[in-house]
Amino acid sequence: MKFLAGFFRRRLVLSSYDAVQVAAARMALQEGGVKFWVSQHTDDLMPRSVSGQVLPFLTRAATEYSVYVDKDDLELAEYLINGGTL
C-alpha cells in the first residue's frame, strides 16, 4: 500500500516530446534536490496494408515524456524548471 500512497501524491510538472527539454528539467530538479519520476509513452503509428505489411512511407513514431514530482514539491519543481535557482 505504500506504493499506492506515493502514486497518488505524484503531480505532473512537465509533459513534452522534446528529449532535450526533459533532460534540462531533470538536471534542474537534480540540482535542486527534488525527487522526480519520468515516464515515456511511444506512439508508434505503423499503418499496415491488407496483407499485414508495414507501409514505410506512412510510418512515424513519437515519444512523449512525462515528469512527475511529489505534490509537496510541485511549486519548487515548477520554479526550477522555469529557470529559477536556489
N, C-alpha and C. Protein backbone atom coordinates (compact mmCIF):
# COMPACT_ATOMS: atom_id res chain seq x y z
N MET A 1 0.80 -1.20 0.00
CA MET A 1 0.00 0.00 0.00
C MET A 1 0.85 1.27 0.00
N LYS A 2 2.10 1.16 0.45
CA LYS A 2 2.97 2.33 0.45
C LYS A 2 3.19 2.83 -0.97
N PHE A 3 3.28 1.91 -1.93
CA PHE A 3 3.44 2.29 -3.33
C PHE A 3 2.25 3.12 -3.80
N LEU A 4 1.05 2.68 -3.47
CA LEU A 4 -0.14 3.40 -3.90
C LEU A 4 -0.22 4.78 -3.27
N ALA A 5 0.19 4.90 -2.03
CA ALA A 5 0.18 6.21 -1.38
C ALA A 5 1.11 7.16 -2.12
N GLY A 6 2.29 6.68 -2.51
CA GLY A 6 3.22 7.51 -3.27
C GLY A 6 2.71 7.84 -4.66
N PHE A 7 2.00 6.90 -5.26
CA PHE A 7 1.46 7.12 -6.60
C PHE A 7 0.45 8.27 -6.62
N PHE A 8 -0.40 8.32 -5.62
CA PHE A 8 -1.42 9.36 -5.59
C PHE A 8 -0.88 10.71 -5.15
N ARG A 9 0.36 10.76 -4.67
CA ARG A 9 0.98 12.03 -4.31
C ARG A 9 1.71 12.66 -5.49
N ARG A 10 1.86 11.93 -6.59
CA ARG A 10 2.58 12.45 -7.75
C ARG A 10 1.75 13.49 -8.49
N ARG A 11 2.45 14.52 -8.97
CA ARG A 11 1.81 15.56 -9.78
C ARG A 11 2.64 15.76 -11.04
N LEU A 12 1.96 15.95 -12.16
CA LEU A 12 2.63 16.18 -13.43
C LEU A 12 3.18 17.59 -13.46
N VAL A 13 4.49 17.70 -13.70
CA VAL A 13 5.11 19.02 -13.74
C VAL A 13 5.55 19.38 -15.16
N LEU A 14 5.75 18.37 -16.02
CA LEU A 14 6.18 18.63 -17.40
C LEU A 14 5.75 17.47 -18.28
N SER A 15 5.23 17.79 -19.45
CA SER A 15 4.91 16.80 -20.46
C SER A 15 5.44 17.34 -21.78
N SER A 16 6.30 16.57 -22.46
CA SER A 16 6.95 17.08 -23.66
C SER A 16 7.35 15.95 -24.59
N TYR A 17 7.46 16.28 -25.87
CA TYR A 17 8.00 15.36 -26.86
C TYR A 17 9.48 15.65 -27.11
N ASP A 18 10.03 16.67 -26.47
CA ASP A 18 11.40 17.11 -26.67
C ASP A 18 12.31 16.51 -25.59
N ALA A 19 13.18 15.58 -25.99
CA ALA A 19 14.07 14.91 -25.04
C ALA A 19 15.07 15.89 -24.42
N VAL A 20 15.49 16.90 -25.17
CA VAL A 20 16.44 17.88 -24.65
C VAL A 20 15.79 18.71 -23.54
N GLN A 21 14.53 19.09 -23.72
CA GLN A 21 13.81 19.84 -22.69
C GLN A 21 13.65 19.01 -21.42
N VAL A 22 13.36 17.73 -21.59
CA VAL A 22 13.20 16.84 -20.44
C VAL A 22 14.54 16.66 -19.72
N ALA A 23 15.62 16.55 -20.48
CA ALA A 23 16.95 16.41 -19.87
C ALA A 23 17.30 17.66 -19.06
N ALA A 24 16.98 18.84 -19.58
CA ALA A 24 17.24 20.08 -18.85
C ALA A 24 16.41 20.14 -17.57
N ALA A 25 15.17 19.70 -17.65
CA ALA A 25 14.30 19.68 -16.46
C ALA A 25 14.84 18.70 -15.42
N ARG A 26 15.28 17.54 -15.87
CA ARG A 26 15.85 16.55 -14.95
C ARG A 26 17.07 17.12 -14.24
N MET A 27 17.93 17.79 -15.00
CA MET A 27 19.14 18.35 -14.39
C MET A 27 18.78 19.42 -13.35
N ALA A 28 17.81 20.27 -13.69
CA ALA A 28 17.40 21.32 -12.75
C ALA A 28 16.81 20.71 -11.47
N LEU A 29 16.01 19.67 -11.62
CA LEU A 29 15.41 19.03 -10.44
C LEU A 29 16.47 18.32 -9.60
N GLN A 30 17.43 17.67 -10.26
CA GLN A 30 18.51 17.01 -9.51
C GLN A 30 19.33 18.02 -8.73
N GLU A 31 19.68 19.14 -9.38
CA GLU A 31 20.47 20.16 -8.70
C GLU A 31 19.70 20.79 -7.54
N GLY A 32 18.38 20.84 -7.66
CA GLY A 32 17.55 21.41 -6.59
C GLY A 32 17.19 20.41 -5.51
N GLY A 33 17.58 19.15 -5.69
CA GLY A 33 17.30 18.13 -4.69
C GLY A 33 15.86 17.66 -4.65
N VAL A 34 15.15 17.78 -5.78
CA VAL A 34 13.75 17.38 -5.86
C VAL A 34 13.67 15.97 -6.44
N LYS A 35 12.98 15.09 -5.75
CA LYS A 35 12.79 13.72 -6.24
C LYS A 35 11.74 13.75 -7.35
N PHE A 36 12.02 13.02 -8.44
CA PHE A 36 11.11 13.03 -9.59
C PHE A 36 11.05 11.66 -10.25
N TRP A 37 10.03 11.47 -11.07
CA TRP A 37 9.85 10.26 -11.86
C TRP A 37 9.61 10.67 -13.30
N VAL A 38 10.18 9.92 -14.23
CA VAL A 38 9.96 10.18 -15.65
C VAL A 38 9.33 8.95 -16.28
N SER A 39 8.26 9.16 -17.02
CA SER A 39 7.66 8.05 -17.76
C SER A 39 7.67 8.39 -19.24
N GLN A 40 7.72 7.35 -20.06
CA GLN A 40 7.73 7.52 -21.51
C GLN A 40 6.57 6.77 -22.12
N HIS A 41 6.01 7.36 -23.14
CA HIS A 41 4.95 6.69 -23.90
C HIS A 41 5.26 6.90 -25.38
N THR A 42 5.40 5.81 -26.11
CA THR A 42 5.71 5.89 -27.53
C THR A 42 4.46 5.64 -28.34
N ASP A 43 4.15 6.61 -29.19
CA ASP A 43 3.05 6.46 -30.14
C ASP A 43 3.66 5.91 -31.42
N ASP A 44 3.51 4.65 -31.63
CA ASP A 44 4.09 4.01 -32.80
C ASP A 44 2.98 3.77 -33.81
N LEU A 45 2.82 4.70 -34.70
CA LEU A 45 1.77 4.60 -35.70
C LEU A 45 2.33 3.92 -36.94
N MET A 46 2.03 2.67 -37.10
CA MET A 46 2.55 1.92 -38.23
C MET A 46 1.38 1.34 -39.02
N PRO A 47 0.86 2.11 -39.97
CA PRO A 47 -0.25 1.61 -40.77
C PRO A 47 0.16 0.36 -41.54
N ARG A 48 -0.74 -0.54 -41.66
CA ARG A 48 -0.45 -1.80 -42.35
C ARG A 48 -1.38 -1.96 -43.54
N SER A 49 -0.85 -2.64 -44.52
CA SER A 49 -1.66 -2.94 -45.70
C SER A 49 -2.58 -4.10 -45.38
N VAL A 50 -3.41 -4.45 -46.32
CA VAL A 50 -4.35 -5.55 -46.13
C VAL A 50 -3.61 -6.85 -45.85
N SER A 51 -2.43 -7.02 -46.44
CA SER A 51 -1.67 -8.25 -46.25
C SER A 51 -0.89 -8.26 -44.93
N GLY A 52 -0.91 -7.15 -44.19
CA GLY A 52 -0.24 -7.10 -42.90
C GLY A 52 1.14 -6.48 -42.94
N GLN A 53 1.61 -6.10 -44.11
CA GLN A 53 2.94 -5.49 -44.22
C GLN A 53 2.88 -4.03 -43.79
N VAL A 54 3.96 -3.59 -43.17
CA VAL A 54 4.05 -2.19 -42.74
C VAL A 54 4.30 -1.32 -43.96
N LEU A 55 3.59 -0.21 -44.04
CA LEU A 55 3.78 0.73 -45.13
C LEU A 55 4.79 1.78 -44.68
N PRO A 56 6.07 1.66 -45.08
CA PRO A 56 7.13 2.50 -44.54
C PRO A 56 6.95 3.99 -44.83
N PHE A 57 6.32 4.34 -45.91
CA PHE A 57 6.18 5.75 -46.24
C PHE A 57 5.16 6.46 -45.36
N LEU A 58 4.37 5.71 -44.60
CA LEU A 58 3.40 6.30 -43.69
C LEU A 58 3.80 6.15 -42.22
N THR A 59 4.95 5.54 -41.97
CA THR A 59 5.36 5.24 -40.61
C THR A 59 5.93 6.48 -39.92
N ARG A 60 5.48 6.73 -38.71
CA ARG A 60 6.06 7.78 -37.88
C ARG A 60 5.92 7.36 -36.43
N ALA A 61 6.83 7.79 -35.62
CA ALA A 61 6.79 7.44 -34.20
C ALA A 61 7.15 8.67 -33.39
N ALA A 62 6.58 8.77 -32.21
CA ALA A 62 6.87 9.89 -31.32
C ALA A 62 6.88 9.37 -29.89
N THR A 63 7.78 9.91 -29.09
CA THR A 63 7.86 9.54 -27.68
C THR A 63 7.48 10.74 -26.83
N GLU A 64 6.49 10.54 -25.98
CA GLU A 64 6.07 11.59 -25.06
C GLU A 64 6.68 11.30 -23.69
N TYR A 65 7.31 12.30 -23.11
CA TYR A 65 7.92 12.18 -21.79
C TYR A 65 7.07 12.94 -20.79
N SER A 66 6.83 12.33 -19.63
CA SER A 66 6.09 12.98 -18.55
C SER A 66 6.96 12.97 -17.30
N VAL A 67 7.12 14.13 -16.68
CA VAL A 67 7.92 14.26 -15.47
C VAL A 67 6.97 14.54 -14.31
N TYR A 68 7.07 13.72 -13.27
CA TYR A 68 6.21 13.84 -12.09
C TYR A 68 7.07 14.15 -10.87
N VAL A 69 6.49 14.90 -9.94
CA VAL A 69 7.13 15.17 -8.65
C VAL A 69 6.10 14.95 -7.54
N ASP A 70 6.58 14.89 -6.31
CA ASP A 70 5.68 14.80 -5.16
C ASP A 70 4.88 16.10 -5.08
N LYS A 71 3.62 15.99 -4.66
CA LYS A 71 2.75 17.18 -4.66
C LYS A 71 3.26 18.28 -3.74
N ASP A 72 4.03 17.93 -2.71
CA ASP A 72 4.59 18.94 -1.81
C ASP A 72 5.74 19.72 -2.47
N ASP A 73 6.34 19.16 -3.52
CA ASP A 73 7.46 19.79 -4.21
C ASP A 73 7.06 20.44 -5.52
N LEU A 74 5.78 20.50 -5.82
CA LEU A 74 5.31 20.96 -7.13
C LEU A 74 5.74 22.40 -7.43
N GLU A 75 5.53 23.31 -6.50
CA GLU A 75 5.87 24.72 -6.75
C GLU A 75 7.37 24.90 -6.93
N LEU A 76 8.17 24.23 -6.10
CA LEU A 76 9.62 24.31 -6.23
C LEU A 76 10.07 23.73 -7.57
N ALA A 77 9.49 22.61 -7.97
CA ALA A 77 9.85 21.98 -9.24
C ALA A 77 9.52 22.89 -10.42
N GLU A 78 8.36 23.52 -10.41
CA GLU A 78 7.99 24.44 -11.49
C GLU A 78 8.95 25.62 -11.54
N TYR A 79 9.33 26.12 -10.38
CA TYR A 79 10.27 27.23 -10.30
C TYR A 79 11.62 26.84 -10.90
N LEU A 80 12.13 25.67 -10.53
CA LEU A 80 13.43 25.22 -11.01
C LEU A 80 13.41 24.95 -12.51
N ILE A 81 12.35 24.33 -13.00
CA ILE A 81 12.26 24.00 -14.43
C ILE A 81 12.18 25.27 -15.27
N ASN A 82 11.55 26.31 -14.74
CA ASN A 82 11.42 27.56 -15.48
C ASN A 82 12.62 28.49 -15.33
N GLY A 83 13.74 27.96 -14.83
CA GLY A 83 14.98 28.73 -14.79
C GLY A 83 15.33 29.32 -13.46
N GLY A 84 14.58 29.04 -12.44
CA GLY A 84 14.89 29.57 -11.11
C GLY A 84 16.08 28.87 -10.49
N THR A 85 16.73 29.53 -9.56
CA THR A 85 17.86 28.94 -8.85
C THR A 85 17.61 29.03 -7.36
N LEU A 86 18.27 28.15 -6.63
CA LEU A 86 18.14 28.15 -5.17
C LEU A 86 19.15 29.08 -4.53
